[in-house]
Amino acid sequence: MTDDLDDALWWRTAAIYQVYVRSFADGDGDGVGDVAGLRARLPYLRDLGVDAVWLNPWYVSPMADGGYDVADFRDIDPVLGTLEEGRAFIEEAHTHGIRVVLDIVPNHVSDRHEWFRRALAAGPGAPERELFLFRDGRGPGGDEPPNNWIADFGGPAWTRTTDPDGTPGQWYLHLFAPEQPDLNWEHPRVHEEFRSILRFWFDRGVDGFRIDVAHGLVKDPALPDFERHSRDPYLAADGHTHPYADLDEVHEIYRDWRRVADSYDPPRVFVAEAWVTTPERLARYLRPDELHTAFNFHYLQAPWTAEGMRESIDESFAALGSVGAPVTWVLSNHDVVRHVSRFGRPDHAQHKALSELRDEPFDLALGTRRARAAALLSMALPGSVYLYQGEELGLWEVEDLPPEVLRDPTWEHSGYTDPGRDGCRVPLPWSGQEPPFGFGDGAEPWLPQPAGWATLTAERSARDPGSMLTLYRHALRLRRAEPGLTGEAMVWVDMGEEVLAFDREGVRCVVNFGAEPVDSPEGAEVLLASGEVVDGRLPRDTAVWLRLP
């Protein structure tokens, strides 16, 4: 954990823990995680050894999309806490040496946002509507959407309004749920508003922002039809990129934001959620005058093979190194199936959604073994690492949630065929032998926990020297204590086709993907291993950190 909160370059090597606030810890006993619960669990995060926490949106929201439909960016939702509690949390986190990164959602707002309510009331042609993407419909009477775009959650990306006189009106664009109207980033007032929001939170001590849908703010003004690829919603069937994401004009927005961040001492930081087609496109967001880091989804989706992992790592270093940016390593987050459940499938590599892999057989022991090895691989690589809450406990995806409890809008908008992302958002197990596992004060959690998590609670894991939690704590401690793991140098070592091995100034990381055990270098000292190393031999799906003689 970084002790010096004035270190302006902390983000280049940080370990950052993602908190899905509603599912982390319940402090007021209503079954929903909140700021009070988060404050109470700060010692847990300190003992884990992370440098920062990233909070999913805690703003005022009707919760049509788990808080990503924001009605007020300058306050905290009452279900989660108060603005004063948020300020206290930031201060307390800092006393523990933990920085705070918030989530900002610049692509869209809630349909309950004051701007959108005024736009609906004002009617067609009013200046209030210029802040969004309202268009007349096509066909007789304007009864067809302005184009054929499909929303990420399924269904049309357009919803028709009703005029004040009760007649059908214009359509508005929403790349996600109808409750999330897209903003018009060609309007200067939108730019001004988000500069103000950044300053509002920076002035309250926030250390940075994760940018939701960073690739999607700017759309082709012509709003042309687009036939998207069946597997990649941001790629056309003919290989061309989409007219509503990763447009070159988006970069000027982030240059503007960087000037705001750099005006603070120490400078504040940004990490982008940018789904783009290549690592080279991602590097464009990380030029020296734009954003600091971006999530490395190329690595998250790499196949569990020595060749696939090495290719992903090499491509990431080459692309981001060209602009002097560090690479981020991430295995799970609130939008994808937990990696224990992905790695426990025979064909997991490109699958992020539960609907894509739930019919494949799941081997929990295999997934856990690979997850332990992947954790050591990720934390040994130069750059920053992101951990999603619960991965340090070895939690798996909850795949059998009853339909009546599902909250993800994907469930409804897919025609009740895609269960969505709730399975990775189930509240954490803290203690005890049965649900709610100490999540709150006895209230039923907002999503039910599986009884099988009784063996993975934080309390039990902390006492178990062989637990995933113990592994993470040791790895994070070594990651900041071993001089060889604190720099940015790395050299590949050839130990066979089925093995990944690299040296970092006296420390070697070895990951065995093959069926045959691998011999450790003679005289090497085992610092940490994801599984049992017998007589210096590393079994399959196991990683080890070695201090070289």
Protein backbone atom coordinates (compact mmCIF):
# COMPACT_ATOMS: atom_id res chain seq x y z
CA MET A 1 0.00 0.00 0.00
CA THR A 2 1.33 3.44 -0.93
CA ASP A 3 1.91 5.48 2.25
CA ASP A 4 2.64 8.80 0.56
CA LEU A 5 -0.65 10.27 -0.64
CA ASP A 6 1.30 13.08 -2.33
CA ASP A 7 2.92 10.66 -4.79
CA ALA A 8 1.69 11.98 -8.14
CA LEU A 9 2.61 8.77 -10.00
CA TRP A 10 0.90 6.31 -7.65
CA TRP A 11 -1.47 5.21 -10.40
CA ARG A 12 1.32 3.65 -12.48
CA THR A 13 1.81 0.73 -10.07
CA ALA A 14 -1.28 0.77 -7.83
CA ALA A 15 -3.45 -2.10 -6.66
CA ILE A 16 -7.03 -0.78 -6.90
CA TYR A 17 -10.02 -2.55 -5.37
CA GLN A 18 -13.41 -2.17 -7.03
CA VAL A 19 -16.35 -1.73 -4.66
CA TYR A 20 -19.87 -2.36 -5.93
CA VAL A 21 -21.35 -0.35 -3.07
CA ARG A 22 -24.79 -2.01 -2.97
CA SER A 23 -23.12 -5.41 -2.49
CA PHE A 24 -20.08 -4.68 -0.33
CA ALA A 25 -21.37 -4.20 3.23
CA ASP A 26 -24.72 -3.13 4.71
CA GLY A 27 -24.33 -0.67 7.57
CA ASP A 28 -27.96 0.19 8.32
CA GLY A 29 -29.55 -3.26 8.11
CA ASP A 30 -31.84 -2.76 5.11
CA GLY A 31 -30.23 -5.45 2.97
CA VAL A 32 -28.46 -3.00 0.67
CA GLY A 33 -24.78 -2.12 0.91
CA ASP A 34 -24.04 1.49 1.76
CA VAL A 35 -21.41 4.05 2.73
CA ALA A 36 -21.79 3.19 6.42
CA GLY A 37 -20.93 -0.43 5.69
CA LEU A 38 -18.01 0.62 3.52
CA ARG A 39 -16.61 2.83 6.28
CA ALA A 40 -16.88 -0.01 8.79
CA ARG A 41 -14.93 -2.34 6.47
CA LEU A 42 -12.06 0.05 5.71
CA PRO A 43 -9.73 -1.91 8.05
CA TYR A 44 -10.38 -4.99 5.90
CA LEU A 45 -9.25 -3.11 2.80
CA ARG A 46 -6.23 -1.72 4.66
CA ASP A 47 -5.23 -5.23 5.79
CA LEU A 48 -5.76 -6.58 2.28
CA GLY A 49 -3.11 -4.12 1.13
CA VAL A 50 -4.70 -2.10 -1.67
CA ASP A 51 -3.65 1.40 -2.65
CA ALA A 52 -7.06 2.70 -3.72
CA VAL A 53 -10.73 1.85 -4.01
CA TRP A 54 -12.91 2.50 -7.02
CA LEU A 55 -16.58 2.92 -6.17
CA ASN A 56 -19.33 2.15 -8.64
CA PRO A 57 -21.79 5.08 -8.84
CA TRP A 58 -23.14 6.22 -5.47
CA TYR A 59 -25.06 9.20 -6.86
CA VAL A 60 -28.81 9.83 -6.64
CA SER A 61 -30.45 7.33 -9.00
CA PRO A 62 -33.73 5.49 -9.60
CA MET A 63 -31.52 2.39 -10.04
CA ALA A 64 -32.84 1.35 -13.43
CA ASP A 65 -29.25 0.24 -14.17
CA GLY A 66 -27.58 -0.20 -10.81
CA GLY A 67 -26.80 3.49 -10.38
CA TYR A 68 -25.53 4.11 -13.91
CA ASP A 69 -28.72 6.10 -14.51
CA VAL A 70 -27.76 9.23 -12.59
CA ALA A 71 -30.36 11.80 -11.56
CA ASP A 72 -27.99 14.03 -9.55
CA PHE A 73 -24.20 13.84 -9.81
CA ARG A 74 -23.61 16.13 -6.82
CA ASP A 75 -25.25 14.05 -4.10
CA ILE A 76 -25.29 10.47 -2.80
CA ASP A 77 -28.39 8.34 -3.14
CA PRO A 78 -30.29 8.24 0.18
CA VAL A 79 -30.37 4.43 0.10
CA LEU A 80 -26.57 4.47 0.17
CA GLY A 81 -25.90 7.37 2.53
CA THR A 82 -25.45 11.12 2.68
CA LEU A 83 -23.00 13.57 1.20
CA GLU A 84 -21.55 14.10 4.67
CA GLU A 85 -21.00 10.36 5.08
CA GLY A 86 -19.28 10.31 1.72
CA ARG A 87 -16.96 13.11 2.76
CA ALA A 88 -16.16 11.25 6.00
CA PHE A 89 -15.44 8.06 4.08
CA ILE A 90 -12.96 9.85 1.79
CA GLU A 91 -11.14 11.31 4.81
CA GLU A 92 -11.08 7.99 6.66
CA ALA A 93 -9.84 6.13 3.60
CA HIS A 94 -7.00 8.61 3.31
CA THR A 95 -6.02 8.04 6.96
CA HIS A 96 -5.61 4.36 6.06
CA GLY A 97 -3.42 5.28 3.08
CA ILE A 98 -6.18 4.38 0.61
CA ARG A 99 -7.12 6.70 -2.25
CA VAL A 100 -10.67 7.04 -3.55
CA VAL A 101 -11.68 6.81 -7.23
CA LEU A 102 -15.31 7.50 -8.15
CA ASP A 103 -17.27 6.42 -11.21
CA ILE A 104 -18.45 9.13 -13.61
CA VAL A 105 -21.11 8.46 -16.24
CA PRO A 106 -20.78 11.05 -19.04
CA ASN A 107 -22.56 9.27 -21.89
CA HIS A 108 -26.06 9.48 -20.45
CA VAL A 109 -28.18 10.50 -17.48
CA SER A 110 -31.34 9.18 -15.85
CA ASP A 111 -34.68 10.02 -17.42
CA ARG A 112 -35.41 11.54 -13.98
CA HIS A 113 -32.54 13.99 -14.35
CA GLU A 114 -33.70 17.59 -14.23
CA TRP A 115 -32.34 18.28 -17.72
CA PHE A 116 -34.32 15.47 -19.32
CA ARG A 117 -37.53 16.26 -17.47
CA ARG A 118 -37.30 19.83 -18.75
CA ALA A 119 -36.54 18.59 -22.26
CA LEU A 120 -39.66 16.43 -22.31
CA ALA A 121 -41.84 19.22 -20.96
CA ALA A 122 -40.45 21.80 -23.40
CA GLY A 123 -41.42 19.90 -26.53
CA PRO A 124 -39.89 19.63 -30.03
CA GLY A 125 -37.55 22.40 -31.14
CA ALA A 126 -36.94 23.74 -27.62
CA PRO A 127 -33.36 24.55 -26.54
CA GLU A 128 -33.70 22.11 -23.63
CA ARG A 129 -33.87 19.25 -26.12
CA GLU A 130 -30.53 20.22 -27.65
CA LEU A 131 -28.78 18.70 -24.62
CA PHE A 132 -29.91 15.25 -25.80
CA LEU A 133 -30.31 13.46 -29.14
CA PHE A 134 -33.95 13.97 -30.07
CA ARG A 135 -34.91 13.21 -33.66
CA ASP A 136 -38.07 12.91 -35.73
CA GLY A 137 -38.99 9.36 -36.68
CA ARG A 138 -38.91 7.80 -40.12
CA GLY A 139 -41.79 6.45 -42.15
CA PRO A 140 -45.44 7.53 -42.26
CA GLY A 141 -46.22 9.73 -39.29
CA GLY A 142 -42.67 9.29 -37.94
CA ASP A 143 -43.67 5.92 -36.53
CA GLU A 144 -40.28 4.25 -37.14
CA PRO A 145 -37.08 4.97 -35.16
CA PRO A 146 -34.60 7.43 -36.74
CA ASN A 147 -32.19 4.56 -37.46
CA ASN A 148 -31.73 0.85 -36.80
CA TRP A 149 -29.37 1.03 -33.84
CA ILE A 150 -29.75 -1.63 -31.15
CA ALA A 151 -29.31 -0.80 -27.46
CA ASP A 152 -26.62 -2.64 -25.51
CA PHE A 153 -29.28 -4.16 -23.26
CA GLY A 154 -31.35 -5.31 -26.25
CA GLY A 155 -34.18 -3.75 -28.20
CA PRO A 156 -34.17 -0.48 -30.17
CA ALA A 157 -31.80 2.30 -29.10
CA TRP A 158 -34.65 4.81 -29.55
CA THR A 159 -37.76 5.52 -27.51
CA ARG A 160 -40.63 7.67 -28.73
CA THR A 161 -41.92 10.48 -26.56
CA THR A 162 -45.45 11.77 -26.12
CA ASP A 163 -46.01 15.46 -26.77
CA PRO A 164 -47.73 17.65 -24.17
CA ASP A 165 -50.99 17.39 -26.16
CA GLY A 166 -50.91 13.58 -25.92
CA THR A 167 -49.89 12.87 -29.52
CA PRO A 168 -46.83 10.74 -30.44
CA GLY A 169 -43.73 12.91 -30.56
CA GLN A 170 -40.02 12.74 -31.30
CA TRP A 171 -37.66 9.89 -30.50
CA TYR A 172 -34.61 10.10 -28.19
CA LEU A 173 -31.43 8.04 -28.35
CA HIS A 174 -30.36 5.71 -25.52
CA LEU A 175 -27.48 3.34 -26.19
CA PHE A 176 -28.46 1.49 -23.02
CA ALA A 177 -31.87 1.39 -21.27
CA PRO A 178 -34.74 3.76 -22.18
CA GLU A 179 -34.27 5.25 -18.71
CA GLN A 180 -30.77 6.38 -19.77
CA PRO A 181 -31.06 9.08 -22.46
CA ASP A 182 -27.76 9.88 -24.20
CA LEU A 183 -26.32 13.36 -23.84
CA ASN A 184 -25.39 15.51 -26.83
CA TRP A 185 -21.66 16.18 -26.49
CA GLU A 186 -21.75 18.66 -29.34
CA HIS A 187 -23.44 21.10 -26.94
CA PRO A 188 -21.06 23.32 -24.92
CA ARG A 189 -23.29 23.21 -21.85
CA VAL A 190 -22.67 19.47 -21.53
CA HIS A 191 -18.91 20.10 -21.49
CA GLU A 192 -19.33 22.84 -18.90
CA GLU A 193 -21.52 20.68 -16.67
CA PHE A 194 -19.06 17.79 -16.51
CA ARG A 195 -16.09 20.06 -15.82
CA SER A 196 -18.12 21.36 -12.89
CA ILE A 197 -18.95 17.82 -11.66
CA LEU A 198 -15.27 16.85 -11.76
CA ARG A 199 -14.31 19.88 -9.68
CA PHE A 200 -17.17 19.28 -7.24
CA TRP A 201 -15.73 15.89 -6.23
CA PHE A 202 -12.06 16.78 -6.61
CA ASP A 203 -12.66 19.63 -4.15
CA ARG A 204 -14.01 17.05 -1.69
CA GLY A 205 -10.84 15.00 -1.80
CA VAL A 206 -11.58 12.43 -4.50
CA ASP A 207 -8.34 11.23 -6.11
CA GLY A 208 -9.68 10.30 -9.54
CA PHE A 209 -12.46 8.96 -11.72
CA ARG A 210 -13.22 5.84 -13.66
CA ILE A 211 -14.97 6.95 -16.87
CA ASP A 212 -17.96 4.84 -17.87
CA VAL A 213 -18.39 4.19 -21.62
CA ALA A 214 -15.41 6.44 -22.33
CA HIS A 215 -15.51 5.42 -26.00
CA GLY A 216 -19.15 6.35 -26.59
CA LEU A 217 -19.66 10.05 -25.96
CA VAL A 218 -19.37 11.29 -29.55
CA LYS A 219 -21.69 9.99 -32.28
CA ASP A 220 -21.58 10.43 -36.03
CA PRO A 221 -23.85 13.48 -36.54
CA ALA A 222 -25.52 11.73 -39.50
CA LEU A 223 -26.66 8.89 -37.19
CA PRO A 224 -26.45 6.37 -40.05
CA ASP A 225 -27.85 2.85 -39.96
CA PHE A 226 -25.39 0.24 -38.69
CA GLU A 227 -25.39 -3.54 -39.04
CA ARG A 228 -23.40 -4.69 -36.05
CA HIS A 229 -21.40 -7.89 -35.74
CA SER A 230 -23.19 -10.72 -33.99
CA ARG A 231 -20.50 -11.05 -31.28
CA ASP A 232 -19.12 -7.51 -31.04
CA PRO A 233 -21.71 -4.72 -30.73
CA TYR A 234 -19.04 -2.15 -31.57
CA LEU A 235 -17.93 -3.79 -34.80
CA ALA A 236 -19.79 -3.96 -38.10
CA ALA A 237 -20.32 -7.23 -39.92
CA ASP A 238 -18.04 -5.93 -42.73
CA GLY A 239 -15.25 -5.10 -40.25
CA HIS A 240 -15.81 -1.36 -40.07
CA THR A 241 -16.17 0.30 -36.71
CA HIS A 242 -19.40 1.74 -35.41
CA PRO A 243 -20.73 5.29 -35.87
CA TYR A 244 -21.36 5.74 -32.15
CA ALA A 245 -18.13 4.80 -30.38
CA ASP A 246 -14.39 5.46 -30.44
CA LEU A 247 -14.73 8.44 -32.77
CA ASP A 248 -11.64 10.63 -32.97
CA GLU A 249 -13.51 13.69 -31.68
CA VAL A 250 -13.88 12.12 -28.22
CA HIS A 251 -10.23 12.78 -27.46
CA GLU A 252 -10.63 16.54 -27.20
CA ILE A 253 -13.08 15.97 -24.34
CA TYR A 254 -10.42 14.10 -22.40
CA ARG A 255 -7.75 16.68 -23.13
CA ASP A 256 -10.10 19.19 -21.55
CA TRP A 257 -10.68 16.93 -18.53
CA ARG A 258 -6.93 16.36 -18.14
CA ARG A 259 -6.41 20.10 -17.80
CA VAL A 260 -8.94 20.10 -14.95
CA ALA A 261 -7.23 17.16 -13.21
CA ASP A 262 -3.77 18.68 -13.62
CA SER A 263 -4.89 21.92 -11.98
CA TYR A 264 -4.96 20.11 -8.59
CA ASP A 265 -1.99 19.34 -6.34
CA PRO A 266 -1.35 16.46 -6.47
CA PRO A 267 -2.94 15.99 -9.89
CA ARG A 268 -6.06 13.83 -10.03
CA VAL A 269 -6.22 10.76 -12.29
CA PHE A 270 -8.54 9.01 -14.75
CA VAL A 271 -9.04 5.41 -15.83
CA ALA A 272 -11.11 4.74 -18.93
CA GLU A 273 -13.63 2.03 -19.62
CA ALA A 274 -13.03 2.07 -23.35
CA TRP A 275 -14.19 -0.92 -25.40
CA VAL A 276 -12.20 -0.57 -28.61
CA THR A 277 -11.15 -2.96 -31.36
CA THR A 278 -7.36 -3.06 -30.80
CA PRO A 279 -4.75 -2.17 -28.16
CA GLU A 280 -3.49 0.48 -30.59
CA ARG A 281 -6.87 2.23 -30.52
CA LEU A 282 -6.82 2.05 -26.73
CA ALA A 283 -3.42 3.75 -26.62
CA ARG A 284 -4.93 6.83 -28.23
CA TYR A 285 -6.87 7.51 -25.01
CA LEU A 286 -3.63 7.41 -23.01
CA ARG A 287 -1.51 9.96 -24.79
CA PRO A 288 0.35 12.25 -22.36
CA ASP A 289 -2.26 15.01 -22.50
CA GLU A 290 -5.31 12.73 -22.20
CA LEU A 291 -6.23 9.99 -19.70
CA HIS A 292 -3.82 8.21 -17.39
CA THR A 293 -4.86 4.56 -17.67
CA ALA A 294 -7.52 2.35 -19.23
CA PHE A 295 -8.89 -1.06 -18.42
CA ASN A 296 -7.16 -3.80 -20.37
CA PHE A 297 -10.10 -5.86 -21.60
CA HIS A 298 -7.82 -7.51 -24.16
CA TYR A 299 -6.11 -9.25 -21.22
CA LEU A 300 -9.38 -10.01 -19.42
CA GLN A 301 -10.56 -11.98 -22.46
CA ALA A 302 -7.29 -13.75 -23.23
CA PRO A 303 -7.48 -17.57 -23.41
CA TRP A 304 -5.93 -19.54 -20.56
CA THR A 305 -2.93 -20.73 -22.55
CA ALA A 306 0.70 -19.71 -22.44
CA GLU A 307 0.53 -18.51 -26.04
CA GLY A 308 -2.71 -16.58 -25.59
CA MET A 309 -1.65 -14.87 -22.39
CA ARG A 310 1.78 -13.95 -23.70
CA GLU A 311 0.31 -12.54 -26.89
CA SER A 312 -2.11 -10.38 -24.90
CA ILE A 313 0.65 -9.16 -22.57
CA ASP A 314 3.04 -8.37 -25.42
CA GLU A 315 0.41 -6.51 -27.44
CA SER A 316 -0.63 -4.51 -24.39
CA PHE A 317 2.93 -3.48 -23.56
CA ALA A 318 3.71 -2.58 -27.17
CA ALA A 319 0.62 -0.43 -27.69
CA LEU A 320 0.57 1.39 -24.37
CA GLY A 321 4.34 1.69 -24.17
CA SER A 322 4.23 3.67 -27.39
CA VAL A 323 2.52 6.52 -25.48
CA GLY A 324 4.35 6.00 -22.19
CA ALA A 325 1.30 4.65 -20.36
CA PRO A 326 1.34 1.77 -17.88
CA VAL A 327 -0.74 -1.32 -18.52
CA THR A 328 -3.62 -2.27 -16.24
CA TRP A 329 -4.30 -5.92 -15.44
CA VAL A 330 -7.86 -6.91 -14.64
CA LEU A 331 -9.59 -10.31 -14.46
CA SER A 332 -13.14 -9.45 -13.35
CA ASN A 333 -15.50 -6.54 -12.78
CA HIS A 334 -19.21 -5.80 -12.25
CA ASP A 335 -20.02 -6.31 -15.94
CA VAL A 336 -18.50 -9.74 -16.63
CA VAL A 337 -18.80 -13.25 -15.26
CA ARG A 338 -16.42 -13.81 -12.34
CA HIS A 339 -13.20 -15.33 -13.55
CA VAL A 340 -13.40 -18.40 -11.29
CA SER A 341 -16.48 -19.35 -13.31
CA ARG A 342 -14.92 -18.40 -16.66
CA PHE A 343 -11.70 -20.30 -16.02
CA GLY A 344 -13.69 -23.34 -14.90
CA ARG A 345 -15.15 -23.73 -18.40
CA PRO A 346 -13.47 -25.45 -21.35
CA ASP A 347 -14.02 -22.46 -23.68
CA HIS A 348 -14.07 -19.34 -21.58
CA ALA A 349 -11.76 -16.92 -23.36
CA GLN A 350 -14.03 -14.57 -25.27
CA HIS A 351 -17.08 -14.98 -23.06
CA LYS A 352 -18.04 -12.13 -20.76
CA ALA A 353 -21.76 -12.81 -20.34
CA LEU A 354 -23.41 -15.61 -18.41
CA SER A 355 -25.73 -16.26 -21.35
CA GLU A 356 -22.68 -17.24 -23.42
CA LEU A 357 -21.32 -19.93 -21.11
CA ARG A 358 -23.97 -21.10 -18.67
CA ASP A 359 -24.64 -24.25 -20.73
CA GLU A 360 -20.98 -25.29 -20.59
CA PRO A 361 -19.96 -27.63 -17.74
CA PHE A 362 -18.38 -25.82 -14.81
CA ASP A 363 -15.47 -27.27 -12.83
CA LEU A 364 -15.13 -25.22 -9.62
CA ALA A 365 -11.83 -26.80 -8.57
CA LEU A 366 -10.31 -26.10 -11.99
CA GLY A 367 -11.63 -22.53 -12.04
CA THR A 368 -10.30 -21.85 -8.55
CA ARG A 369 -6.88 -23.31 -9.32
CA ARG A 370 -6.55 -21.21 -12.48
CA ALA A 371 -7.88 -18.11 -10.71
CA ARG A 372 -5.18 -18.42 -8.06
CA ALA A 373 -2.51 -18.73 -10.74
CA ALA A 374 -3.98 -15.83 -12.76
CA ALA A 375 -3.93 -13.62 -9.67
CA LEU A 376 -0.20 -14.15 -9.19
CA LEU A 377 0.45 -13.64 -12.89
CA SER A 378 -1.48 -10.35 -12.90
CA MET A 379 0.11 -9.01 -9.72
CA ALA A 380 3.62 -9.88 -10.92
CA LEU A 381 3.34 -7.88 -14.14
CA PRO A 382 4.55 -4.26 -14.32
CA GLY A 383 1.73 -1.74 -14.16
CA SER A 384 -1.41 -1.42 -12.06
CA VAL A 385 -3.81 -4.18 -11.07
CA TYR A 386 -7.56 -3.98 -10.48
CA LEU A 387 -9.31 -6.38 -8.12
CA TYR A 388 -13.07 -6.84 -8.12
CA GLN A 389 -14.64 -7.24 -4.69
CA GLY A 390 -14.94 -10.88 -3.71
CA GLU A 391 -12.31 -12.23 -6.07
CA GLU A 392 -9.91 -12.18 -3.12
CA LEU A 393 -12.31 -14.66 -1.45
CA GLY A 394 -12.53 -16.94 -4.50
CA LEU A 395 -16.21 -16.20 -5.14
CA TRP A 396 -17.81 -17.77 -8.17
CA GLU A 397 -20.62 -16.44 -10.37
CA VAL A 398 -24.08 -17.09 -8.92
CA GLU A 399 -25.75 -18.65 -11.96
CA ASP A 400 -29.05 -19.79 -10.50
CA LEU A 401 -30.59 -16.56 -9.20
CA PRO A 402 -34.40 -16.83 -9.30
CA PRO A 403 -35.92 -14.79 -12.15
CA GLU A 404 -38.02 -12.76 -9.72
CA VAL A 405 -34.93 -11.23 -8.04
CA LEU A 406 -33.04 -10.20 -11.19
CA ARG A 407 -32.46 -6.44 -11.42
CA ASP A 408 -30.16 -6.08 -14.43
CA PRO A 409 -32.06 -4.34 -17.26
CA THR A 410 -30.56 -6.88 -19.67
CA TRP A 411 -33.03 -9.44 -18.32
CA GLU A 412 -36.10 -7.44 -19.35
CA HIS A 413 -34.73 -5.98 -22.58
CA SER A 414 -33.53 -9.37 -23.86
CA GLY A 415 -37.08 -10.67 -23.61
CA TYR A 416 -36.19 -12.57 -20.42
CA THR A 417 -33.58 -14.73 -22.15
CA ASP A 418 -30.32 -13.18 -20.88
CA PRO A 419 -30.00 -13.12 -17.06
CA GLY A 420 -27.50 -10.30 -17.26
CA ARG A 421 -24.86 -9.34 -14.73
CA ASP A 422 -26.51 -9.82 -11.35
CA GLY A 423 -24.61 -13.06 -10.76
CA CYS A 424 -21.35 -11.19 -10.18
CA ARG A 425 -23.04 -8.55 -8.01
CA VAL A 426 -24.33 -10.77 -5.21
CA PRO A 427 -23.50 -9.30 -1.75
CA LEU A 428 -20.25 -10.42 -0.13
CA PRO A 429 -20.08 -13.09 2.60
CA TRP A 430 -18.33 -11.71 5.68
CA SER A 431 -18.96 -14.20 8.48
CA GLY A 432 -21.18 -16.98 9.81
CA GLN A 433 -22.42 -20.28 8.45
CA GLU A 434 -25.49 -19.20 6.48
CA PRO A 435 -26.87 -16.20 4.58
CA PRO A 436 -26.72 -13.26 4.98
CA PHE A 437 -23.16 -14.13 6.12
CA GLY A 438 -22.68 -10.95 8.13
CA PHE A 439 -23.42 -8.73 5.15
CA GLY A 440 -25.81 -6.66 7.27
CA ASP A 441 -27.78 -6.85 10.48
CA GLY A 442 -29.88 -9.87 9.59
CA ALA A 443 -31.93 -8.32 6.79
CA GLU A 444 -32.32 -10.34 3.62
CA PRO A 445 -29.77 -9.05 1.08
CA TRP A 446 -31.06 -7.42 -2.10
CA LEU A 447 -29.74 -10.45 -4.02
CA PRO A 448 -29.66 -13.91 -2.37
CA GLN A 449 -26.30 -15.48 -1.53
CA PRO A 450 -25.56 -19.17 -2.19
CA ALA A 451 -25.23 -21.39 0.86
CA GLY A 452 -21.96 -22.71 -0.58
CA TRP A 453 -20.22 -19.43 0.20
CA ALA A 454 -20.09 -20.47 3.87
CA THR A 455 -16.58 -21.83 3.23
CA LEU A 456 -15.43 -18.55 1.64
CA THR A 457 -16.43 -15.88 4.17
CA ALA A 458 -13.85 -13.21 4.93
CA GLU A 459 -13.77 -14.27 8.59
CA ARG A 460 -13.09 -17.92 7.81
CA SER A 461 -10.68 -17.12 4.97
CA ALA A 462 -8.58 -14.87 7.21
CA ARG A 463 -7.89 -17.86 9.51
CA ASP A 464 -7.06 -20.26 6.67
CA PRO A 465 -3.42 -20.16 5.51
CA GLY A 466 -4.45 -21.83 2.25
CA SER A 467 -7.34 -19.51 1.37
CA MET A 468 -7.58 -17.20 -1.60
CA LEU A 469 -7.67 -14.24 0.80
CA THR A 470 -4.39 -15.27 2.39
CA LEU A 471 -2.85 -15.63 -1.07
CA TYR A 472 -4.00 -12.12 -2.07
CA ARG A 473 -2.77 -10.56 1.16
CA HIS A 474 0.66 -12.13 0.78
CA ALA A 475 0.89 -11.22 -2.91
CA LEU A 476 -0.08 -7.58 -2.34
CA ARG A 477 2.41 -7.29 0.52
CA LEU A 478 5.24 -8.78 -1.55
CA ARG A 479 4.25 -6.68 -4.54
CA ARG A 480 5.18 -3.50 -2.68
CA ALA A 481 7.98 -4.94 -0.52
CA GLU A 482 10.12 -6.75 -3.12
CA PRO A 483 12.30 -4.19 -4.95
CA GLY A 484 12.16 -6.27 -8.12
CA LEU A 485 8.35 -6.00 -8.25
CA THR A 486 8.15 -2.23 -7.76
CA GLY A 487 9.78 -1.13 -11.03
CA GLU A 488 8.56 -1.31 -14.61
CA ALA A 489 11.18 -3.62 -16.15
CA MET A 490 10.37 -7.16 -17.31
CA VAL A 491 12.23 -9.75 -19.40
CA TRP A 492 10.70 -12.94 -20.79
CA VAL A 493 12.46 -16.23 -19.99
CA ASP A 494 12.12 -19.31 -22.20
CA MET A 495 11.06 -22.30 -20.10
CA GLY A 496 9.10 -24.15 -22.78
CA GLU A 497 6.04 -23.61 -24.95
CA GLU A 498 3.54 -24.40 -22.20
CA VAL A 499 5.14 -22.09 -19.63
CA LEU A 500 5.07 -18.34 -19.11
CA ALA A 501 8.10 -17.05 -17.26
CA PHE A 502 9.58 -13.59 -16.82
CA ASP A 503 12.18 -11.89 -14.62
CA ARG A 504 11.79 -8.61 -12.78
CA GLU A 505 15.13 -7.61 -11.27
CA GLY A 506 15.82 -10.70 -9.21
CA VAL A 507 12.27 -12.03 -9.01
CA ARG A 508 10.92 -14.59 -11.47
CA CYS A 509 7.26 -15.38 -12.09
CA VAL A 510 6.55 -18.79 -13.60
CA VAL A 511 3.11 -20.03 -14.69
CA ASN A 512 2.71 -23.61 -15.87
CA PHE A 513 -0.10 -24.11 -18.39
CA GLY A 514 1.05 -27.57 -19.47
CA ALA A 515 0.24 -31.05 -18.23
CA GLU A 516 3.79 -31.85 -17.09
CA PRO A 517 5.36 -30.35 -13.94
CA VAL A 518 8.05 -27.69 -14.45
CA ASP A 519 11.36 -27.55 -12.57
CA SER A 520 12.25 -24.33 -10.75
CA PRO A 521 15.70 -22.82 -11.37
CA GLU A 522 18.34 -24.34 -9.12
CA GLY A 523 18.86 -22.38 -5.94
CA ALA A 524 15.73 -20.25 -6.35
CA GLU A 525 13.73 -19.38 -3.24
CA VAL A 526 9.95 -19.71 -3.35
CA LEU A 527 8.41 -16.40 -2.28
CA LEU A 528 4.80 -17.34 -3.00
CA ALA A 529 2.97 -20.03 -4.95
CA SER A 530 -0.65 -20.40 -6.01
CA GLY A 531 -0.51 -24.16 -5.36
CA GLU A 532 1.75 -26.75 -3.85
CA VAL A 533 5.32 -26.84 -5.15
CA VAL A 534 6.91 -30.23 -4.35
CA ASP A 535 10.69 -30.64 -4.62
CA GLY A 536 10.88 -27.49 -6.73
CA ARG A 537 8.41 -28.80 -9.31
CA LEU A 538 5.48 -26.65 -10.40
CA PRO A 539 2.28 -28.54 -11.37
CA ARG A 540 -0.26 -27.59 -14.04
CA ASP A 541 -2.29 -24.37 -13.71
CA THR A 542 -0.01 -23.10 -10.97
CA ALA A 543 2.05 -19.94 -10.62
CA VAL A 544 5.05 -19.21 -8.42
CA TRP A 545 7.15 -16.18 -7.51
CA LEU A 546 10.83 -17.01 -7.05
CA ARG A 547 13.73 -15.01 -5.70
CA LEU A 548 16.64 -15.87 -7.96
CA PRO A 549 20.03 -16.76 -6.44
